[in-house]
Amino acid sequence: MTTRTAPHLRLHINWTQCDGRGLCTELLPGILGRDDWGYPVPLDHTHEPHIPAGCEAEAAAAVRLCPRLALTLMTAP
């Protein structure tokens, strides 16, 4: 018998669409910070920050509420 685990999620930021409004940084304060111009900065210093267990709903809300549709949740391999 095998045990299924939840997929590891990462947050992809489309830099072409993002214009630094900062809503995602307010919704995901433990995952994203802001640079001097208001653009999101992953606090784990990766290109696509890992979404910790228990933060999936907040990440999904950030994706859904992004005014520029610049965020996507991705399953990490």
PDB file of N, CA and C in Angstrom:
ATOM      1  N   MET A   1       0.839  -1.179   0.000  1.00  0.00           N
ATOM      2  CA  MET A   1       0.000   0.000   0.000  1.00  0.00           C
ATOM      3  C   MET A   1       0.885   1.244   0.000  1.00  0.00           C
ATOM      4  N   THR A   2       0.553   2.205  -0.835  1.00  0.00           N
ATOM      5  CA  THR A   2       1.322   3.449  -0.891  1.00  0.00           C
ATOM      6  C   THR A   2       0.505   4.587  -0.313  1.00  0.00           C
ATOM      7  N   THR A   3       1.209   5.543   0.213  1.00  0.00           N
ATOM      8  CA  THR A   3       0.556   6.724   0.768  1.00  0.00           C
ATOM      9  C   THR A   3       0.722   7.870  -0.208  1.00  0.00           C
ATOM     10  N   ARG A   4      -0.366   8.534  -0.522  1.00  0.00           N
ATOM     11  CA  ARG A   4      -0.307   9.689  -1.430  1.00  0.00           C
ATOM     12  C   ARG A   4      -0.021  10.936  -0.623  1.00  0.00           C
ATOM     13  N   THR A   5       0.853  11.738  -1.143  1.00  0.00           N
ATOM     14  CA  THR A   5       1.160  13.002  -0.479  1.00  0.00           C
ATOM     15  C   THR A   5       0.669  14.145  -1.346  1.00  0.00           C
ATOM     16  N   ALA A   6       0.458  15.269  -0.723  1.00  0.00           N
ATOM     17  CA  ALA A   6       0.027  16.457  -1.470  1.00  0.00           C
ATOM     18  C   ALA A   6       1.157  16.898  -2.394  1.00  0.00           C
ATOM     19  N   PRO A   7       0.821  17.400  -3.568  1.00  0.00           N
ATOM     20  CA  PRO A   7       1.875  17.870  -4.477  1.00  0.00           C
ATOM     21  C   PRO A   7       2.581  19.090  -3.898  1.00  0.00           C
ATOM     22  N   HIS A   8       3.834  19.217  -4.235  1.00  0.00           N
ATOM     23  CA  HIS A   8       4.589  20.396  -3.829  1.00  0.00           C
ATOM     24  C   HIS A   8       4.231  21.518  -4.792  1.00  0.00           C
ATOM     25  N   LEU A   9       3.776  22.611  -4.254  1.00  0.00           N
ATOM     26  CA  LEU A   9       3.355  23.734  -5.090  1.00  0.00           C
ATOM     27  C   LEU A   9       4.410  24.825  -5.097  1.00  0.00           C
ATOM     28  N   ARG A  10       4.523  25.460  -6.238  1.00  0.00           N
ATOM     29  CA  ARG A  10       5.386  26.622  -6.393  1.00  0.00           C
ATOM     30  C   ARG A  10       4.557  27.731  -7.023  1.00  0.00           C
ATOM     31  N   LEU A  11       4.949  28.959  -6.747  1.00  0.00           N
ATOM     32  CA  LEU A  11       4.256  30.123  -7.289  1.00  0.00           C
ATOM     33  C   LEU A  11       5.078  30.693  -8.437  1.00  0.00           C
ATOM     34  N   HIS A  12       4.497  30.668  -9.624  1.00  0.00           N
ATOM     35  CA  HIS A  12       5.164  31.257 -10.794  1.00  0.00           C
ATOM     36  C   HIS A  12       4.683  32.697 -10.946  1.00  0.00           C
ATOM     37  N   ILE A  13       5.627  33.611 -11.110  1.00  0.00           N
ATOM     38  CA  ILE A  13       5.309  35.026 -11.330  1.00  0.00           C
ATOM     39  C   ILE A  13       5.665  35.365 -12.771  1.00  0.00           C
ATOM     40  N   ASN A  14       4.680  35.796 -13.539  1.00  0.00           N
ATOM     41  CA  ASN A  14       4.913  36.217 -14.916  1.00  0.00           C
ATOM     42  C   ASN A  14       5.341  37.681 -14.866  1.00  0.00           C
ATOM     43  N   TRP A  15       6.638  37.902 -15.017  1.00  0.00           N
ATOM     44  CA  TRP A  15       7.185  39.255 -14.856  1.00  0.00           C
ATOM     45  C   TRP A  15       6.741  40.200 -15.962  1.00  0.00           C
ATOM     46  N   THR A  16       6.337  39.673 -17.103  1.00  0.00           N
ATOM     47  CA  THR A  16       5.839  40.521 -18.180  1.00  0.00           C
ATOM     48  C   THR A  16       4.489  41.124 -17.814  1.00  0.00           C
ATOM     49  N   GLN A  17       3.678  40.364 -17.095  1.00  0.00           N
ATOM     50  CA  GLN A  17       2.347  40.841 -16.716  1.00  0.00           C
ATOM     51  C   GLN A  17       2.333  41.621 -15.403  1.00  0.00           C
ATOM     52  N   CYS A  18       3.238  41.305 -14.491  1.00  0.00           N
ATOM     53  CA  CYS A  18       3.248  41.942 -13.168  1.00  0.00           C
ATOM     54  C   CYS A  18       3.617  43.415 -13.296  1.00  0.00           C
ATOM     55  N   ASP A  19       2.870  44.272 -12.576  1.00  0.00           N
ATOM     56  CA  ASP A  19       3.251  45.687 -12.567  1.00  0.00           C
ATOM     57  C   ASP A  19       3.471  46.216 -11.151  1.00  0.00           C
ATOM     58  N   GLY A  20       3.701  45.302 -10.210  1.00  0.00           N
ATOM     59  CA  GLY A  20       4.117  45.699  -8.872  1.00  0.00           C
ATOM     60  C   GLY A  20       3.046  46.333  -8.011  1.00  0.00           C
ATOM     61  N   ARG A  21       1.809  45.918  -8.148  1.00  0.00           N
ATOM     62  CA  ARG A  21       0.743  46.489  -7.313  1.00  0.00           C
ATOM     63  C   ARG A  21       0.833  46.019  -5.871  1.00  0.00           C
ATOM     64  N   GLY A  22       1.384  44.831  -5.628  1.00  0.00           N
ATOM     65  CA  GLY A  22       1.677  44.383  -4.274  1.00  0.00           C
ATOM     66  C   GLY A  22       0.605  43.602  -3.548  1.00  0.00           C
ATOM     67  N   LEU A  23      -0.517  43.313  -4.188  1.00  0.00           N
ATOM     68  CA  LEU A  23      -1.559  42.553  -3.508  1.00  0.00           C
ATOM     69  C   LEU A  23      -1.052  41.178  -3.090  1.00  0.00           C
ATOM     70  N   CYS A  24      -0.271  40.538  -3.940  1.00  0.00           N
ATOM     71  CA  CYS A  24       0.245  39.203  -3.612  1.00  0.00           C
ATOM     72  C   CYS A  24       1.134  39.239  -2.375  1.00  0.00           C
ATOM     73  N   THR A  25       1.897  40.309  -2.210  1.00  0.00           N
ATOM     74  CA  THR A  25       2.768  40.400  -1.038  1.00  0.00           C
ATOM     75  C   THR A  25       1.961  40.599   0.239  1.00  0.00           C
ATOM     76  N   GLU A  26       0.802  41.211   0.128  1.00  0.00           N
ATOM     77  CA  GLU A  26      -0.071  41.369   1.293  1.00  0.00           C
ATOM     78  C   GLU A  26      -0.768  40.057   1.639  1.00  0.00           C
ATOM     79  N   LEU A  27      -1.109  39.268   0.625  1.00  0.00           N
ATOM     80  CA  LEU A  27      -1.793  37.999   0.848  1.00  0.00           C
ATOM     81  C   LEU A  27      -0.834  36.877   1.245  1.00  0.00           C
ATOM     82  N   LEU A  28       0.430  36.995   0.870  1.00  0.00           N
ATOM     83  CA  LEU A  28       1.431  35.957   1.146  1.00  0.00           C
ATOM     84  C   LEU A  28       2.661  36.556   1.834  1.00  0.00           C
ATOM     85  N   PRO A  29       2.499  37.168   3.008  1.00  0.00           N
ATOM     86  CA  PRO A  29       3.621  37.867   3.642  1.00  0.00           C
ATOM     87  C   PRO A  29       4.772  36.960   4.064  1.00  0.00           C
ATOM     88  N   GLY A  30       4.529  35.689   4.298  1.00  0.00           N
ATOM     89  CA  GLY A  30       5.605  34.777   4.663  1.00  0.00           C
ATOM     90  C   GLY A  30       6.316  34.174   3.471  1.00  0.00           C
ATOM     91  N   ILE A  31       5.822  34.465   2.274  1.00  0.00           N
ATOM     92  CA  ILE A  31       6.372  33.886   1.051  1.00  0.00           C
ATOM     93  C   ILE A  31       6.975  34.957   0.153  1.00  0.00           C
ATOM     94  N   LEU A  32       6.329  36.135   0.104  1.00  0.00           N
ATOM     95  CA  LEU A  32       6.780  37.217  -0.770  1.00  0.00           C
ATOM     96  C   LEU A  32       7.017  38.499   0.018  1.00  0.00           C
ATOM     97  N   GLY A  33       8.113  39.165  -0.310  1.00  0.00           N
ATOM     98  CA  GLY A  33       8.361  40.515   0.175  1.00  0.00           C
ATOM     99  C   GLY A  33       8.230  41.450  -1.011  1.00  0.00           C
ATOM    100  N   ARG A  34       8.605  42.710  -0.826  1.00  0.00           N
ATOM    101  CA  ARG A  34       8.553  43.689  -1.931  1.00  0.00           C
ATOM    102  C   ARG A  34       9.919  44.324  -2.130  1.00  0.00           C
ATOM    103  N   ASP A  35      10.217  44.629  -3.391  1.00  0.00           N
ATOM    104  CA  ASP A  35      11.433  45.392  -3.649  1.00  0.00           C
ATOM    105  C   ASP A  35      11.105  46.883  -3.554  1.00  0.00           C
ATOM    106  N   ASP A  36      12.064  47.728  -3.863  1.00  0.00           N
ATOM    107  CA  ASP A  36      11.877  49.175  -3.733  1.00  0.00           C
ATOM    108  C   ASP A  36      10.795  49.735  -4.652  1.00  0.00           C
ATOM    109  N   TRP A  37      10.435  49.003  -5.699  1.00  0.00           N
ATOM    110  CA  TRP A  37       9.436  49.462  -6.660  1.00  0.00           C
ATOM    111  C   TRP A  37       8.082  48.787  -6.469  1.00  0.00           C
ATOM    112  N   GLY A  38       7.952  47.947  -5.441  1.00  0.00           N
ATOM    113  CA  GLY A  38       6.690  47.283  -5.149  1.00  0.00           C
ATOM    114  C   GLY A  38       6.523  45.907  -5.756  1.00  0.00           C
ATOM    115  N   TYR A  39       7.518  45.450  -6.508  1.00  0.00           N
ATOM    116  CA  TYR A  39       7.424  44.130  -7.132  1.00  0.00           C
ATOM    117  C   TYR A  39       7.674  43.028  -6.106  1.00  0.00           C
ATOM    118  N   PRO A  40       7.024  41.872  -6.282  1.00  0.00           N
ATOM    119  CA  PRO A  40       7.213  40.775  -5.331  1.00  0.00           C
ATOM    120  C   PRO A  40       8.619  40.189  -5.403  1.00  0.00           C
ATOM    121  N   VAL A  41       9.137  39.850  -4.233  1.00  0.00           N
ATOM    122  CA  VAL A  41      10.444  39.212  -4.111  1.00  0.00           C
ATOM    123  C   VAL A  41      10.256  37.937  -3.284  1.00  0.00           C
ATOM    124  N   PRO A  42      10.531  36.769  -3.862  1.00  0.00           N
ATOM    125  CA  PRO A  42      10.397  35.536  -3.089  1.00  0.00           C
ATOM    126  C   PRO A  42      11.359  35.535  -1.900  1.00  0.00           C
ATOM    127  N   LEU A  43      10.822  35.284  -0.717  1.00  0.00           N
ATOM    128  CA  LEU A  43      11.642  35.302   0.486  1.00  0.00           C
ATOM    129  C   LEU A  43      12.555  34.087   0.589  1.00  0.00           C
ATOM    130  N   ASP A  44      12.278  33.030  -0.199  1.00  0.00           N
ATOM    131  CA  ASP A  44      13.169  31.866  -0.178  1.00  0.00           C
ATOM    132  C   ASP A  44      14.280  31.992  -1.226  1.00  0.00           C
ATOM    133  N   HIS A  45      14.376  33.161  -1.866  1.00  0.00           N
ATOM    134  CA  HIS A  45      15.437  33.484  -2.832  1.00  0.00           C
ATOM    135  C   HIS A  45      15.458  32.538  -4.033  1.00  0.00           C
ATOM    136  N   THR A  46      14.280  32.034  -4.426  1.00  0.00           N
ATOM    137  CA  THR A  46      14.182  31.194  -5.614  1.00  0.00           C
ATOM    138  C   THR A  46      13.410  31.947  -6.689  1.00  0.00           C
ATOM    139  N   HIS A  47      13.441  31.407  -7.888  1.00  0.00           N
ATOM    140  CA  HIS A  47      12.694  32.019  -8.989  1.00  0.00           C
ATOM    141  C   HIS A  47      11.195  31.779  -8.833  1.00  0.00           C
ATOM    142  N   GLU A  48      10.832  30.589  -8.366  1.00  0.00           N
ATOM    143  CA  GLU A  48       9.429  30.222  -8.134  1.00  0.00           C
ATOM    144  C   GLU A  48       9.320  29.726  -6.695  1.00  0.00           C
ATOM    145  N   PRO A  49       8.866  30.584  -5.778  1.00  0.00           N
ATOM    146  CA  PRO A  49       8.869  30.199  -4.364  1.00  0.00           C
ATOM    147  C   PRO A  49       7.964  29.008  -4.050  1.00  0.00           C
ATOM    148  N   HIS A  50       8.430  28.195  -3.115  1.00  0.00           N
ATOM    149  CA  HIS A  50       7.695  27.031  -2.625  1.00  0.00           C
ATOM    150  C   HIS A  50       6.538  27.509  -1.755  1.00  0.00           C
ATOM    151  N   ILE A  51       5.381  26.880  -1.913  1.00  0.00           N
ATOM    152  CA  ILE A  51       4.215  27.177  -1.078  1.00  0.00           C
ATOM    153  C   ILE A  51       4.189  26.144   0.046  1.00  0.00           C
ATOM    154  N   PRO A  52       4.401  26.567   1.278  1.00  0.00           N
ATOM    155  CA  PRO A  52       4.425  25.607   2.391  1.00  0.00           C
ATOM    156  C   PRO A  52       3.058  24.961   2.616  1.00  0.00           C
ATOM    157  N   ALA A  53       3.080  23.765   3.185  1.00  0.00           N
ATOM    158  CA  ALA A  53       1.837  23.080   3.545  1.00  0.00           C
ATOM    159  C   ALA A  53       1.037  23.984   4.471  1.00  0.00           C
ATOM    160  N   GLY A  54      -0.237  24.065   4.214  1.00  0.00           N
ATOM    161  CA  GLY A  54      -1.111  24.916   5.017  1.00  0.00           C
ATOM    162  C   GLY A  54      -1.330  26.293   4.422  1.00  0.00           C
ATOM    163  N   CYS A  55      -0.563  26.652   3.401  1.00  0.00           N
ATOM    164  CA  CYS A  55      -0.703  27.975   2.762  1.00  0.00           C
ATOM    165  C   CYS A  55      -1.311  27.881   1.368  1.00  0.00           C
ATOM    166  N   GLU A  56      -1.800  26.710   1.007  1.00  0.00           N
ATOM    167  CA  GLU A  56      -2.337  26.512  -0.338  1.00  0.00           C
ATOM    168  C   GLU A  56      -3.527  27.419  -0.622  1.00  0.00           C
ATOM    169  N   ALA A  57      -4.418  27.578   0.348  1.00  0.00           N
ATOM    170  CA  ALA A  57      -5.611  28.415   0.137  1.00  0.00           C
ATOM    171  C   ALA A  57      -5.229  29.875  -0.059  1.00  0.00           C
ATOM    172  N   GLU A  58      -4.271  30.362   0.723  1.00  0.00           N
ATOM    173  CA  GLU A  58      -3.823  31.748   0.577  1.00  0.00           C
ATOM    174  C   GLU A  58      -3.152  31.959  -0.776  1.00  0.00           C
ATOM    175  N   ALA A  59      -2.364  30.981  -1.211  1.00  0.00           N
ATOM    176  CA  ALA A  59      -1.707  31.084  -2.515  1.00  0.00           C
ATOM    177  C   ALA A  59      -2.735  31.070  -3.639  1.00  0.00           C
ATOM    178  N   ALA A  60      -3.737  30.213  -3.527  1.00  0.00           N
ATOM    179  CA  ALA A  60      -4.793  30.169  -4.544  1.00  0.00           C
ATOM    180  C   ALA A  60      -5.556  31.486  -4.585  1.00  0.00           C
ATOM    181  N   ALA A  61      -5.775  32.093  -3.428  1.00  0.00           N
ATOM    182  CA  ALA A  61      -6.454  33.397  -3.385  1.00  0.00           C
ATOM    183  C   ALA A  61      -5.604  34.464  -4.058  1.00  0.00           C
ATOM    184  N   ALA A  62      -4.299  34.442  -3.828  1.00  0.00           N
ATOM    185  CA  ALA A  62      -3.412  35.422  -4.461  1.00  0.00           C
ATOM    186  C   ALA A  62      -3.455  35.281  -5.979  1.00  0.00           C
ATOM    187  N   VAL A  63      -3.451  34.040  -6.462  1.00  0.00           N
ATOM    188  CA  VAL A  63      -3.537  33.801  -7.910  1.00  0.00           C
ATOM    189  C   VAL A  63      -4.856  34.338  -8.444  1.00  0.00           C
ATOM    190  N   ARG A  64      -5.926  34.032  -7.768  1.00  0.00           N
ATOM    191  CA  ARG A  64      -7.269  34.426  -8.215  1.00  0.00           C
ATOM    192  C   ARG A  64      -7.466  35.942  -8.175  1.00  0.00           C
ATOM    193  N   LEU A  65      -6.878  36.611  -7.175  1.00  0.00           N
ATOM    194  CA  LEU A  65      -7.119  38.039  -6.974  1.00  0.00           C
ATOM    195  C   LEU A  65      -6.095  38.963  -7.636  1.00  0.00           C
ATOM    196  N   CYS A  66      -5.041  38.409  -8.200  1.00  0.00           N
ATOM    197  CA  CYS A  66      -4.024  39.257  -8.839  1.00  0.00           C
ATOM    198  C   CYS A  66      -4.677  40.090  -9.946  1.00  0.00           C
ATOM    199  N   PRO A  67      -4.613  41.420  -9.845  1.00  0.00           N
ATOM    200  CA  PRO A  67      -5.286  42.261 -10.840  1.00  0.00           C
ATOM    201  C   PRO A  67      -4.674  42.167 -12.236  1.00  0.00           C
ATOM    202  N   ARG A  68      -3.438  41.709 -12.343  1.00  0.00           N
ATOM    203  CA  ARG A  68      -2.779  41.592 -13.645  1.00  0.00           C
ATOM    204  C   ARG A  68      -2.697  40.146 -14.131  1.00  0.00           C
ATOM    205  N   LEU A  69      -3.277  39.198 -13.363  1.00  0.00           N
ATOM    206  CA  LEU A  69      -3.245  37.775 -13.715  1.00  0.00           C
ATOM    207  C   LEU A  69      -1.812  37.292 -13.946  1.00  0.00           C
ATOM    208  N   ALA A  70      -0.916  37.745 -13.086  1.00  0.00           N
ATOM    209  CA  ALA A  70       0.503  37.452 -13.246  1.00  0.00           C
ATOM    210  C   ALA A  70       0.975  36.241 -12.443  1.00  0.00           C
ATOM    211  N   LEU A  71       0.089  35.614 -11.689  1.00  0.00           N
ATOM    212  CA  LEU A  71       0.487  34.502 -10.827  1.00  0.00           C
ATOM    213  C   LEU A  71      -0.139  33.194 -11.282  1.00  0.00           C
ATOM    214  N   THR A  72       0.624  32.108 -11.124  1.00  0.00           N
ATOM    215  CA  THR A  72       0.151  30.767 -11.433  1.00  0.00           C
ATOM    216  C   THR A  72       0.708  29.816 -10.386  1.00  0.00           C
ATOM    217  N   LEU A  73      -0.121  28.896  -9.903  1.00  0.00           N
ATOM    218  CA  LEU A  73       0.375  27.832  -9.036  1.00  0.00           C
ATOM    219  C   LEU A  73       0.820  26.681  -9.915  1.00  0.00           C
ATOM    220  N   MET A  74       2.000  26.155  -9.632  1.00  0.00           N
ATOM    221  CA  MET A  74       2.556  25.065 -10.420  1.00  0.00           C
ATOM    222  C   MET A  74       2.926  23.919  -9.496  1.00  0.00           C
ATOM    223  N   THR A  75       2.773  22.700  -9.983  1.00  0.00           N
ATOM    224  CA  THR A  75       3.201  21.529  -9.232  1.00  0.00           C
ATOM    225  C   THR A  75       4.674  21.297  -9.515  1.00  0.00           C
ATOM    226  N   ALA A  76       5.468  21.263  -8.460  1.00  0.00           N
ATOM    227  CA  ALA A  76       6.904  21.035  -8.618  1.00  0.00           C
ATOM    228  C   ALA A  76       7.159  19.544  -8.810  1.00  0.00           C
ATOM    229  N   PRO A  77       8.129  19.192  -9.652  1.00  0.00           N
ATOM    230  CA  PRO A  77       8.441  17.765  -9.865  1.00  0.00           C
ATOM    231  C   PRO A  77       9.048  17.133  -8.628  1.00  0.00           C
TER     232      PRO A  77
END
